[in-house]
Amino acid sequence: MTKKTSNTQITKAQIYRAVASSTAIETGASVEKIEQQLKRSQKRAKAVGLAR
């Protein structure tokens, strides 16, 4: 039996969608709303500098 390996790239958009849909199932909120919240949180996190 041979095994095929997949070389597909997983994008950030796919990760956001997967996390948002999983959270939506658990909370009952809409996927789009959660996905927007994730993106907003990511933008805020990038604006915060790390202490050196």
Protein backbone atom coordinates (compact mmCIF):
# COMPACT_ATOMS: atom_id res chain seq x y z
CA MET A 1 0.00 0.00 0.00
CA THR A 2 1.47 3.35 -1.00
CA LYS A 3 0.97 6.54 0.88
CA LYS A 4 0.41 9.84 -0.91
CA THR A 5 1.69 12.95 0.80
CA SER A 6 -0.02 16.24 0.24
CA ASN A 7 2.05 19.35 -0.41
CA THR A 8 -0.77 21.84 0.02
CA GLN A 9 -0.01 25.06 1.83
CA ILE A 10 -2.25 26.09 4.70
CA THR A 11 -2.92 29.82 4.62
CA LYS A 12 -3.64 32.18 7.51
CA ALA A 13 -7.13 32.68 6.09
CA GLN A 14 -7.77 28.94 6.38
CA ILE A 15 -6.53 28.91 9.97
CA TYR A 16 -8.73 31.89 10.88
CA ARG A 17 -11.73 30.18 9.29
CA ALA A 18 -11.08 26.88 11.08
CA VAL A 19 -10.67 28.52 14.48
CA ALA A 20 -13.69 30.77 13.90
CA SER A 21 -15.94 27.91 12.81
CA SER A 22 -14.89 25.75 15.75
CA THR A 23 -15.54 28.60 18.16
CA ALA A 24 -18.86 29.37 16.48
CA ILE A 25 -20.01 25.80 17.01
CA GLU A 26 -19.12 25.99 20.69
CA THR A 27 -20.54 29.47 21.37
CA GLY A 28 -23.39 29.77 18.87
CA ALA A 29 -21.98 33.04 17.44
CA SER A 30 -21.56 33.63 13.71
CA VAL A 31 -18.37 32.51 12.00
CA GLU A 32 -17.91 35.88 10.28
CA LYS A 33 -18.15 37.81 13.56
CA ILE A 34 -15.59 35.59 15.30
CA GLU A 35 -13.26 35.73 12.29
CA GLN A 36 -13.35 39.55 12.39
CA GLN A 37 -12.59 39.51 16.13
CA LEU A 38 -9.60 37.23 15.54
CA LYS A 39 -8.22 39.53 12.85
CA ARG A 40 -8.74 42.60 15.05
CA SER A 41 -6.96 40.92 17.95
CA GLN A 42 -4.06 39.98 15.68
CA LYS A 43 -3.66 43.60 14.52
CA ARG A 44 -3.64 44.82 18.13
CA ALA A 45 -1.11 42.21 19.16
CA LYS A 46 1.26 43.31 16.39
CA ALA A 47 1.04 46.91 17.60
CA VAL A 48 2.30 45.94 21.07
CA GLY A 49 6.07 45.87 21.33
CA LEU A 50 7.92 43.31 23.38
CA ALA A 51 9.92 44.39 26.42
CA ARG A 52 13.66 44.11 25.95
